[in-house]
Amino acid sequence: MPAIPSASAAPPTPGVELAALLADRELGLRALTGAGDRAAAVAVHAVHASEMADPSPYLLGGELLLTAGAQLEADADAYVARLVAAGAAALGFGVAPVYEEVPPELAAACARHGLPLLEVPPRTPFTAVARTVWRLMAEARTRELRRVAEAQQSLAAAAARPDPVPALLRRLAATLGGHATLLPAGQHAGRDAGQGAGQHAGRELPPEAAAALAALLTRVGAPGGPATATDAAAGWQLTAYPLGGEGQVLGVAVPDRTPGDHAITAIAAVLLTLLTTHRAAGAEAGALTRLLLGGSPGEALGPGPWHVVHARGTGDPQALAAALGTVLVDARAEEVRLLAEREPGPQPGWRLGVSAPAGPEALPGAEAQARRALRRAEAARAPLARHTEGGLDALLDPAEALAHARELLAPLAPEQLRTLRAWLAHHGSWDRTAAGLGVHRNTVRQRVARCTALLGRDLDDPDVRMELWFALRTLDRQDNSPVT
């Protein structure tokens, strides 16, 4: 099944519009270049202060660079050109103590290269600018998270209507403030770019944007096509996603893409997949909707059996989900969690912990199994570890258990090991141990006393007996010749 976006993915943190910083009266910033509409379009994603002659190697892109010009080069044009090449969003120049005003040659260079230049007054510390940016970014992220949560509820409610697919498309288009298209399997959007094959909702697209979206849908829907495709035309941002494994494609167009749009479209993609693919045409789509509206996991899944997978790696969680044949993936935490119907196998770039097959009501226990299995895979540096029933044996790494057993029992000779095992097997009975070994009971007493001295352990302690028994069994399995 091709990968589709995770419905649980949180939107990235939005940037701060330069205009919002200019509007903050406490900062008192003044735009010398890049004011007006340009300031509204520029997004600041970080703040970096530097007095280096060339700070460009330390920029990732999107920064508001703050400087007082302590090492400003004579060639201001070269300085600004390097900042633009590094992707700086804007330059903030603090007047005083080095310069009493922004150097005219610096302002001219920023104007030539299109880099917004802000004057930072002497009363405004650079840290105040940075704190304002972080505060505005946190507020923007909170708004986007709230928007995504509200969109999830409204999309789930639309999926529960008698006409779920068109209702969901209409709700998606309205939430994004744009256009949504669902292209069924076997149809070719390119032949009807104007009217468009499939189902449509939302705002009407200009002909150029409609044709570009149709081309994206055809490209993604083709066999072996990409997981997603994006384009821009006539001022519209276009994206296409394949749904399920039956050739259906979802296309969206928005005039302005926001960080939460991808997460919202991901939720719609999951719901549309469950509503339109063969296996989810009935009960599962409604079940997932009930889950999103507050139901229980048992109501949202088929009878299974299901495999819970915990994964840790550096790859794309969506690609991992696709390789395991599932759309049920949670990539929010440090460990990726998945729910798959088919037996998972090793995946390049990942360590996997896989639970035993389980029904829906047993998933909480299966998740604990997968978590422990991943710990064992990491300890053994293995690509995959599965949960196995078997009591204490299954909870320990075999190599570590063998090393512990050898160290614990190293003081004992073979005959002492044989006697200790028989004595433990007969629950400390001298007579039955002697009969089993074919020796006198006093011989057994002497040998066990010698074992006690060599091991430095109290053999009357049940915890000690359990540890010794476990160690002996570990050695027996290694040698494949149990001591009798």
Protein backbone atom coordinates (compact mmCIF):
# COMPACT_ATOMS: atom_id res chain seq x y z
CA MET A 1 0.00 0.00 0.00
CA PRO A 2 1.52 3.37 -0.93
CA ALA A 3 2.35 5.67 1.93
CA ILE A 4 -0.04 8.43 2.81
CA PRO A 5 0.53 11.15 5.37
CA SER A 6 0.17 10.28 9.04
CA ALA A 7 -3.01 11.65 10.53
CA SER A 8 -1.24 12.05 13.84
CA ALA A 9 1.60 14.20 12.55
CA ALA A 10 1.74 17.60 14.23
CA PRO A 11 2.20 20.62 11.95
CA PRO A 12 5.63 22.25 11.93
CA THR A 13 6.08 25.51 13.79
CA PRO A 14 4.97 28.43 11.59
CA GLY A 15 7.30 31.32 11.00
CA VAL A 16 6.69 34.86 12.23
CA GLU A 17 5.78 37.48 9.66
CA LEU A 18 8.20 40.36 9.58
CA ALA A 19 5.23 42.69 9.66
CA ALA A 20 4.26 41.33 13.09
CA LEU A 21 7.65 42.34 14.49
CA LEU A 22 7.38 45.79 12.95
CA ALA A 23 3.94 46.18 14.51
CA ASP A 24 5.27 45.54 18.03
CA ARG A 25 5.61 49.02 19.52
CA GLU A 26 7.71 47.88 22.46
CA LEU A 27 10.46 46.74 20.10
CA GLY A 28 10.37 49.94 18.06
CA LEU A 29 11.83 48.35 14.95
CA ARG A 30 11.88 50.40 11.76
CA ALA A 31 11.99 48.96 8.24
CA LEU A 32 14.57 50.66 6.04
CA THR A 33 14.13 48.26 3.11
CA GLY A 34 11.55 45.57 2.41
CA ALA A 35 8.61 47.39 4.02
CA GLY A 36 4.98 47.08 2.98
CA ASP A 37 3.75 43.91 1.27
CA ARG A 38 7.26 42.47 1.27
CA ALA A 39 7.34 42.55 5.10
CA ALA A 40 4.08 40.63 5.28
CA ALA A 41 5.43 37.92 2.99
CA VAL A 42 8.74 37.36 4.80
CA ALA A 43 8.64 34.66 7.51
CA VAL A 44 11.24 34.59 10.28
CA HIS A 45 11.94 31.10 11.68
CA ALA A 46 14.85 31.92 14.01
CA VAL A 47 16.94 34.76 15.41
CA HIS A 48 20.73 34.78 15.28
CA ALA A 49 23.04 37.51 16.60
CA SER A 50 26.55 37.72 15.20
CA GLU A 51 29.33 40.28 14.90
CA MET A 52 31.37 38.08 12.57
CA ALA A 53 32.56 39.53 9.29
CA ASP A 54 30.96 36.54 7.56
CA PRO A 55 28.22 34.81 9.59
CA SER A 56 26.76 33.00 6.58
CA PRO A 57 28.34 29.58 7.39
CA TYR A 58 26.35 29.53 10.63
CA LEU A 59 22.94 30.22 9.09
CA LEU A 60 20.42 27.49 8.23
CA GLY A 61 18.00 29.77 6.39
CA GLY A 62 15.02 31.80 7.58
CA GLU A 63 16.92 33.70 10.29
CA LEU A 64 16.61 37.32 11.33
CA LEU A 65 20.30 38.15 11.68
CA LEU A 66 21.03 40.81 14.30
CA THR A 67 24.30 42.76 14.27
CA ALA A 68 25.75 46.02 15.54
CA GLY A 69 28.30 46.06 12.70
CA ALA A 70 31.37 45.62 14.90
CA GLN A 71 33.20 43.83 12.07
CA LEU A 72 31.19 45.08 9.14
CA GLU A 73 33.30 44.88 6.01
CA ALA A 74 33.96 47.85 3.79
CA ASP A 75 32.33 45.90 0.97
CA ALA A 76 28.74 45.93 2.24
CA ASP A 77 27.47 44.49 -1.02
CA ALA A 78 29.51 41.29 -0.59
CA TYR A 79 28.36 40.99 3.02
CA VAL A 80 24.68 41.22 2.06
CA ALA A 81 25.12 38.93 -0.95
CA ARG A 82 26.47 36.18 1.31
CA LEU A 83 23.53 36.57 3.71
CA VAL A 84 21.06 36.28 0.85
CA ALA A 85 22.85 33.20 -0.50
CA ALA A 86 22.65 31.61 2.98
CA GLY A 87 18.89 32.16 3.06
CA ALA A 88 18.68 34.87 5.73
CA ALA A 89 15.14 36.21 6.06
CA ALA A 90 16.12 39.72 7.16
CA LEU A 91 18.90 41.79 8.69
CA GLY A 92 18.43 43.74 11.91
CA PHE A 93 21.02 46.48 12.54
CA GLY A 94 21.44 47.80 16.07
CA VAL A 95 22.43 51.46 16.17
CA ALA A 96 24.87 52.43 18.93
CA PRO A 97 27.38 51.76 20.31
CA VAL A 98 29.34 51.11 17.07
CA TYR A 99 27.30 53.15 14.58
CA GLU A 100 25.02 56.08 15.33
CA GLU A 101 22.93 55.24 12.27
CA VAL A 102 22.62 52.43 9.78
CA PRO A 103 25.43 52.81 7.20
CA PRO A 104 23.91 54.10 3.92
CA GLU A 105 26.00 51.66 1.87
CA LEU A 106 24.51 48.76 3.85
CA ALA A 107 20.98 49.99 3.24
CA ALA A 108 21.73 50.39 -0.45
CA ALA A 109 23.14 46.85 -0.66
CA CYS A 110 20.06 45.38 1.08
CA ALA A 111 17.82 47.23 -1.34
CA ARG A 112 19.78 45.91 -4.33
CA HIS A 113 19.64 42.29 -3.14
CA GLY A 114 16.07 42.43 -1.82
CA LEU A 115 17.04 41.68 1.80
CA PRO A 116 14.72 43.37 4.34
CA LEU A 117 16.70 45.67 6.64
CA LEU A 118 15.41 46.66 10.08
CA GLU A 119 16.78 49.34 12.34
CA VAL A 120 16.96 48.22 15.99
CA PRO A 121 16.89 51.25 18.34
CA PRO A 122 19.46 51.55 21.17
CA ARG A 123 16.81 50.92 23.84
CA THR A 124 15.90 47.50 22.39
CA PRO A 125 18.22 44.61 23.38
CA PHE A 126 18.72 41.89 20.79
CA THR A 127 17.40 39.39 23.36
CA ALA A 128 14.08 41.27 23.42
CA VAL A 129 13.75 40.75 19.67
CA ALA A 130 14.54 37.05 20.03
CA ARG A 131 12.03 36.57 22.85
CA THR A 132 9.31 38.26 20.83
CA VAL A 133 9.97 35.95 17.89
CA TRP A 134 9.80 32.83 20.10
CA ARG A 135 6.59 34.07 21.72
CA LEU A 136 4.91 34.78 18.39
CA MET A 137 6.03 31.39 17.04
CA ALA A 138 4.60 29.60 20.09
CA GLU A 139 1.29 31.43 19.70
CA ALA A 140 1.17 30.57 15.99
CA ARG A 141 1.89 26.91 16.70
CA THR A 142 -0.88 26.79 19.30
CA ARG A 143 -3.31 28.24 16.75
CA GLU A 144 -2.27 25.66 14.15
CA LEU A 145 -2.62 22.76 16.61
CA ARG A 146 -6.08 23.97 17.58
CA ARG A 147 -6.99 24.32 13.91
CA VAL A 148 -5.83 20.77 13.17
CA ALA A 149 -7.75 19.36 16.14
CA GLU A 150 -10.95 21.13 15.08
CA ALA A 151 -10.43 19.97 11.50
CA GLN A 152 -10.06 16.35 12.67
CA GLN A 153 -13.43 16.51 14.41
CA SER A 154 -15.19 18.15 11.49
CA LEU A 155 -13.70 15.73 8.94
CA ALA A 156 -14.67 12.74 11.07
CA ALA A 157 -18.20 14.10 11.38
CA ALA A 158 -18.37 14.54 7.60
CA ALA A 159 -17.20 10.94 7.11
CA ALA A 160 -20.14 9.74 9.20
CA ARG A 161 -22.74 11.35 6.92
CA PRO A 162 -24.86 9.26 4.52
CA ASP A 163 -22.81 10.65 1.59
CA PRO A 164 -19.38 10.43 3.30
CA VAL A 165 -16.99 10.95 0.36
CA PRO A 166 -18.50 14.13 -1.12
CA ALA A 167 -19.22 15.47 2.35
CA LEU A 168 -15.61 14.89 3.39
CA LEU A 169 -14.27 16.55 0.22
CA ARG A 170 -16.47 19.59 0.82
CA ARG A 171 -15.33 19.86 4.42
CA LEU A 172 -11.65 19.47 3.42
CA ALA A 173 -11.92 22.20 0.78
CA ALA A 174 -13.69 24.54 3.19
CA THR A 175 -11.16 23.94 5.96
CA LEU A 176 -8.23 24.62 3.63
CA GLY A 177 -9.98 27.52 1.95
CA GLY A 178 -9.23 25.96 -1.43
CA HIS A 179 -10.12 23.09 -3.74
CA ALA A 180 -10.18 19.28 -3.35
CA THR A 181 -10.42 16.56 -6.01
CA LEU A 182 -10.75 12.79 -5.64
CA LEU A 183 -9.78 10.87 -8.75
CA PRO A 184 -11.11 7.27 -8.74
CA ALA A 185 -9.00 4.40 -9.95
CA GLY A 186 -8.73 4.00 -13.70
CA GLN A 187 -9.64 7.60 -14.60
CA HIS A 188 -7.21 10.01 -16.22
CA ALA A 189 -7.42 13.56 -14.98
CA GLY A 190 -5.37 14.89 -17.84
CA ARG A 191 -8.04 14.34 -20.46
CA ASP A 192 -10.56 16.57 -18.67
CA ALA A 193 -8.36 19.20 -17.07
CA GLY A 194 -11.03 21.88 -17.37
CA GLN A 195 -14.03 20.05 -15.92
CA GLY A 196 -11.89 17.35 -14.32
CA ALA A 197 -12.72 13.68 -13.89
CA GLY A 198 -13.74 12.42 -10.46
CA GLN A 199 -15.32 14.35 -7.61
CA HIS A 200 -14.60 17.99 -6.82
CA ALA A 201 -15.34 20.42 -4.03
CA GLY A 202 -14.50 23.96 -3.03
CA ARG A 203 -13.33 26.94 -5.03
CA GLU A 204 -13.10 26.83 -8.81
CA LEU A 205 -9.54 26.81 -10.07
CA PRO A 206 -8.19 29.00 -12.88
CA PRO A 207 -7.59 26.97 -16.06
CA GLU A 208 -3.81 27.00 -15.61
CA ALA A 209 -4.03 25.72 -12.02
CA ALA A 210 -6.69 23.12 -12.96
CA ALA A 211 -4.48 21.76 -15.73
CA ALA A 212 -1.45 21.60 -13.43
CA LEU A 213 -3.42 19.77 -10.74
CA ALA A 214 -4.76 17.33 -13.33
CA ALA A 215 -1.20 16.59 -14.43
CA LEU A 216 -0.18 15.93 -10.82
CA LEU A 217 -3.11 13.55 -10.30
CA THR A 218 -2.21 11.61 -13.43
CA ARG A 219 1.44 11.42 -12.46
CA VAL A 220 0.79 10.19 -8.90
CA GLY A 221 -1.95 7.79 -9.97
CA ALA A 222 0.23 6.07 -12.58
CA PRO A 223 1.75 2.67 -11.67
CA GLY A 224 5.02 3.23 -9.85
CA GLY A 225 4.26 6.92 -9.39
CA PRO A 226 5.67 9.00 -6.52
CA ALA A 227 4.20 8.95 -3.02
CA THR A 228 3.30 12.64 -3.33
CA ALA A 229 3.79 15.40 -5.87
CA THR A 230 3.63 19.18 -5.56
CA ASP A 231 3.48 22.10 -7.97
CA ALA A 232 2.43 25.73 -8.15
CA ALA A 233 0.43 27.47 -10.87
CA ALA A 234 -1.51 30.71 -11.21
CA GLY A 235 -0.86 31.58 -7.57
CA TRP A 236 -2.15 28.23 -6.24
CA GLN A 237 -0.15 25.63 -4.28
CA LEU A 238 -0.97 22.12 -5.54
CA THR A 239 -0.42 18.68 -3.96
CA ALA A 240 -1.48 15.15 -4.95
CA TYR A 241 -1.54 12.01 -2.75
CA PRO A 242 -2.21 8.38 -3.77
CA LEU A 243 -4.81 6.64 -1.60
CA GLY A 244 -4.71 2.95 -0.75
CA GLY A 245 -3.62 0.38 -3.26
CA GLU A 246 -6.36 0.75 -5.86
CA GLY A 247 -5.13 3.72 -7.90
CA GLN A 248 -7.21 6.48 -6.30
CA VAL A 249 -5.65 9.93 -5.90
CA LEU A 250 -6.47 12.95 -3.76
CA GLY A 251 -5.55 16.41 -5.00
CA VAL A 252 -5.73 19.68 -3.08
CA ALA A 253 -5.11 23.28 -4.12
CA VAL A 254 -4.72 26.20 -1.75
CA PRO A 255 -3.91 29.86 -2.45
CA ASP A 256 -1.62 30.05 0.60
CA ARG A 257 -0.19 26.92 2.21
CA THR A 258 0.04 26.96 6.01
CA PRO A 259 1.97 24.51 8.24
CA GLY A 260 -1.23 22.77 9.38
CA ASP A 261 -2.52 22.09 5.88
CA HIS A 262 -0.44 18.94 5.47
CA ALA A 263 -1.69 17.44 8.76
CA ILE A 264 -5.31 18.28 7.89
CA THR A 265 -4.98 16.75 4.42
CA ALA A 266 -3.36 13.69 6.03
CA ILE A 267 -6.43 13.13 8.19
CA ALA A 268 -8.70 13.44 5.17
CA ALA A 269 -6.47 11.06 3.20
CA VAL A 270 -6.71 8.37 5.89
CA LEU A 271 -10.50 8.71 6.08
CA LEU A 272 -10.89 8.68 2.29
CA THR A 273 -8.67 5.61 2.04
CA LEU A 274 -10.85 3.74 4.51
CA LEU A 275 -14.03 4.95 2.84
CA THR A 276 -13.06 4.03 -0.70
CA THR A 277 -10.72 1.03 -0.67
CA HIS A 278 -12.22 -2.42 -1.00
CA ARG A 279 -11.53 -3.70 2.51
CA ALA A 280 -12.86 -0.60 4.22
CA ALA A 281 -15.93 0.09 2.13
CA GLY A 282 -18.23 -0.83 4.99
CA ALA A 283 -17.65 -1.31 8.67
CA GLU A 284 -14.04 -0.15 9.04
CA ALA A 285 -14.63 3.37 7.70
CA GLY A 286 -17.49 3.92 10.11
CA ALA A 287 -15.48 2.31 12.89
CA LEU A 288 -12.54 4.67 12.41
CA THR A 289 -14.94 7.59 12.40
CA ARG A 290 -16.38 6.43 15.71
CA LEU A 291 -12.85 6.13 17.06
CA LEU A 292 -12.03 9.70 16.04
CA LEU A 293 -15.22 10.83 17.72
CA GLY A 294 -14.35 9.12 20.99
CA GLY A 295 -14.93 5.41 20.49
CA SER A 296 -12.75 2.52 21.64
CA PRO A 297 -9.97 0.80 19.66
CA GLY A 298 -11.89 -2.46 19.66
CA GLU A 299 -14.72 -0.82 17.74
CA ALA A 300 -12.39 0.71 15.16
CA LEU A 301 -10.61 -2.42 13.93
CA GLY A 302 -11.43 -5.73 12.36
CA PRO A 303 -10.92 -8.98 14.29
CA GLY A 304 -7.27 -9.24 13.24
CA PRO A 305 -4.96 -10.71 14.23
CA TRP A 306 -2.96 -7.48 14.46
CA HIS A 307 0.75 -6.91 15.04
CA VAL A 308 1.87 -3.92 17.09
CA VAL A 309 5.25 -2.62 15.93
CA HIS A 310 7.59 -0.23 17.76
CA ALA A 311 10.34 1.13 15.52
CA ARG A 312 13.36 3.35 15.90
CA GLY A 313 15.46 4.56 12.98
CA THR A 314 16.39 7.43 10.73
CA GLY A 315 14.07 6.71 7.82
CA ASP A 316 10.71 8.15 6.81
CA PRO A 317 7.91 6.73 9.01
CA GLN A 318 5.49 6.93 6.08
CA ALA A 319 7.81 4.82 3.93
CA LEU A 320 8.09 2.32 6.77
CA ALA A 321 4.29 2.16 7.06
CA ALA A 322 4.02 1.60 3.32
CA ALA A 323 6.58 -1.22 3.46
CA LEU A 324 4.59 -2.89 6.24
CA GLY A 325 1.36 -2.46 4.31
CA THR A 326 -0.45 -0.20 6.77
CA VAL A 327 -1.71 3.36 7.10
CA LEU A 328 -2.02 3.06 10.88
CA VAL A 329 1.13 4.84 12.03
CA ASP A 330 1.89 7.21 14.89
CA ALA A 331 5.13 9.11 14.35
CA ARG A 332 4.74 11.75 17.04
CA ALA A 333 6.98 10.17 19.68
CA GLU A 334 10.67 9.21 19.53
CA GLU A 335 9.58 5.66 18.73
CA VAL A 336 7.34 5.14 15.72
CA ARG A 337 4.32 2.96 16.51
CA LEU A 338 2.44 1.01 13.86
CA LEU A 339 -0.43 -1.42 13.65
CA ALA A 340 -0.20 -3.99 10.85
CA GLU A 341 -2.28 -6.97 9.80
CA ARG A 342 0.46 -8.86 7.98
CA GLU A 343 3.56 -10.32 9.61
CA PRO A 344 6.23 -7.56 9.71
CA GLY A 345 9.73 -8.29 8.44
CA PRO A 346 13.07 -6.46 8.85
CA GLN A 347 13.27 -3.05 7.16
CA PRO A 348 16.48 -1.24 6.11
CA GLY A 349 17.43 1.61 8.42
CA TRP A 350 15.08 0.53 11.23
CA ARG A 351 15.09 -1.58 14.38
CA LEU A 352 11.71 -3.16 14.97
CA GLY A 353 10.02 -4.71 17.97
CA VAL A 354 7.01 -6.82 17.02
CA SER A 355 4.27 -8.09 19.31
CA ALA A 356 2.60 -11.47 19.18
CA PRO A 357 -0.56 -11.53 17.00
CA ALA A 358 -3.44 -10.01 18.96
CA GLY A 359 -7.10 -9.14 18.64
CA PRO A 360 -8.34 -5.55 19.05
CA GLU A 361 -9.08 -5.88 22.76
CA ALA A 362 -5.58 -7.21 23.47
CA LEU A 363 -3.75 -4.29 21.83
CA PRO A 364 -2.62 -2.59 25.09
CA GLY A 365 -0.78 -5.75 26.12
CA ALA A 366 0.55 -6.21 22.59
CA GLU A 367 1.98 -2.69 22.64
CA ALA A 368 3.89 -3.51 25.83
CA GLN A 369 5.22 -6.63 24.10
CA ALA A 370 6.38 -4.59 21.10
CA ARG A 371 8.08 -2.05 23.34
CA ARG A 372 10.02 -4.78 25.17
CA ALA A 373 10.88 -6.49 21.89
CA LEU A 374 12.35 -3.24 20.54
CA ARG A 375 14.54 -2.96 23.64
CA ARG A 376 15.85 -6.48 22.98
CA ALA A 377 16.48 -5.64 19.31
CA GLU A 378 18.46 -2.56 20.31
CA ALA A 379 20.45 -4.47 22.95
CA ALA A 380 21.33 -7.21 20.45
CA ARG A 381 21.79 -4.73 17.58
CA ALA A 382 19.36 -6.83 15.59
CA PRO A 383 17.08 -5.40 12.88
CA LEU A 384 14.01 -7.07 14.38
CA ALA A 385 12.94 -8.84 17.57
CA ARG A 386 9.61 -10.56 18.10
CA HIS A 387 7.77 -11.19 21.31
CA THR A 388 7.93 -14.85 22.27
CA GLU A 389 6.13 -16.58 25.06
CA GLY A 390 8.40 -18.37 27.50
CA GLY A 391 8.48 -16.69 30.89
CA LEU A 392 11.80 -15.34 32.14
CA ASP A 393 13.76 -16.87 29.26
CA ALA A 394 12.01 -14.63 26.75
CA LEU A 395 12.71 -11.46 28.74
CA LEU A 396 16.51 -11.73 28.65
CA ASP A 397 18.99 -11.48 25.86
CA PRO A 398 20.35 -15.04 25.29
CA ALA A 399 23.97 -13.86 25.05
CA GLU A 400 23.71 -11.88 28.29
CA ALA A 401 21.99 -14.77 30.08
CA LEU A 402 24.74 -17.20 28.99
CA ALA A 403 27.51 -14.84 30.08
CA HIS A 404 25.88 -14.43 33.50
CA ALA A 405 25.42 -18.21 33.90
CA ARG A 406 29.05 -18.93 33.06
CA GLU A 407 30.31 -16.29 35.47
CA LEU A 408 28.01 -17.43 38.29
CA LEU A 409 28.83 -21.15 37.98
CA ALA A 410 32.49 -20.82 37.04
CA PRO A 411 33.79 -21.97 40.51
CA LEU A 412 32.09 -25.37 40.21
CA ALA A 413 33.59 -28.52 38.68
CA PRO A 414 31.45 -30.69 36.35
CA GLU A 415 30.59 -33.20 39.11
CA GLN A 416 29.54 -30.37 41.42
CA LEU A 417 27.36 -28.88 38.68
CA ARG A 418 25.74 -32.28 38.12
CA THR A 419 25.05 -32.69 41.84
CA LEU A 420 23.71 -29.14 42.26
CA ARG A 421 21.33 -29.54 39.35
CA ALA A 422 19.96 -32.83 40.65
CA TRP A 423 19.58 -31.43 44.18
CA LEU A 424 17.66 -28.37 42.90
CA ALA A 425 15.54 -30.55 40.63
CA HIS A 426 14.52 -32.66 43.65
CA HIS A 427 13.69 -29.53 45.73
CA GLY A 428 16.61 -30.06 48.16
CA SER A 429 15.76 -33.66 49.08
CA TRP A 430 18.94 -35.47 50.11
CA ASP A 431 17.51 -38.97 49.72
CA ARG A 432 15.92 -38.47 46.28
CA THR A 433 19.03 -36.68 45.02
CA ALA A 434 21.25 -39.51 46.25
CA ALA A 435 18.99 -42.08 44.59
CA GLY A 436 19.00 -40.16 41.35
CA LEU A 437 22.78 -39.85 41.32
CA GLY A 438 23.45 -43.35 42.68
CA VAL A 439 25.55 -42.11 45.60
CA HIS A 440 25.21 -42.03 49.39
CA ARG A 441 23.15 -39.20 50.89
CA ASN A 442 26.20 -38.03 52.88
CA THR A 443 28.07 -37.61 49.59
CA VAL A 444 25.29 -35.35 48.39
CA ARG A 445 25.50 -33.30 51.60
CA GLN A 446 29.25 -32.91 51.23
CA ARG A 447 29.04 -31.87 47.58
CA VAL A 448 26.23 -29.34 48.21
CA ALA A 449 28.15 -27.91 51.17
CA ARG A 450 31.19 -27.53 48.91
CA CYS A 451 29.03 -25.76 46.28
CA THR A 452 27.79 -23.38 48.98
CA ALA A 453 31.34 -22.52 49.95
CA LEU A 454 32.60 -22.07 46.37
CA LEU A 455 29.61 -19.96 45.29
CA GLY A 456 29.45 -17.93 48.49
CA ARG A 457 25.67 -18.16 48.35
CA ASP A 458 23.02 -19.32 50.81
CA LEU A 459 21.41 -22.29 49.07
CA ASP A 460 18.51 -22.25 51.52
CA ASP A 461 17.44 -18.90 50.05
CA PRO A 462 14.70 -19.49 47.41
CA ASP A 463 15.90 -16.49 45.36
CA VAL A 464 19.39 -18.00 45.18
CA ARG A 465 18.00 -21.38 44.21
CA MET A 466 15.92 -19.77 41.42
CA GLU A 467 18.92 -17.88 40.05
CA LEU A 468 21.10 -21.01 40.10
CA TRP A 469 18.41 -23.10 38.42
CA PHE A 470 18.00 -20.50 35.69
CA ALA A 471 21.78 -20.40 35.16
CA LEU A 472 22.02 -24.20 34.97
CA ARG A 473 19.20 -24.37 32.43
CA THR A 474 20.93 -21.68 30.35
CA LEU A 475 24.13 -23.76 30.27
CA ASP A 476 22.13 -26.89 29.42
CA ARG A 477 20.53 -25.17 26.42
CA GLN A 478 23.93 -23.93 25.25
CA ASP A 479 25.55 -27.36 25.47
CA ASN A 480 22.39 -29.11 24.19
CA SER A 481 23.24 -31.92 26.60
CA PRO A 482 21.35 -31.54 29.90
CA VAL A 483 23.26 -32.63 33.01
CA THR A 484 21.66 -35.65 34.67
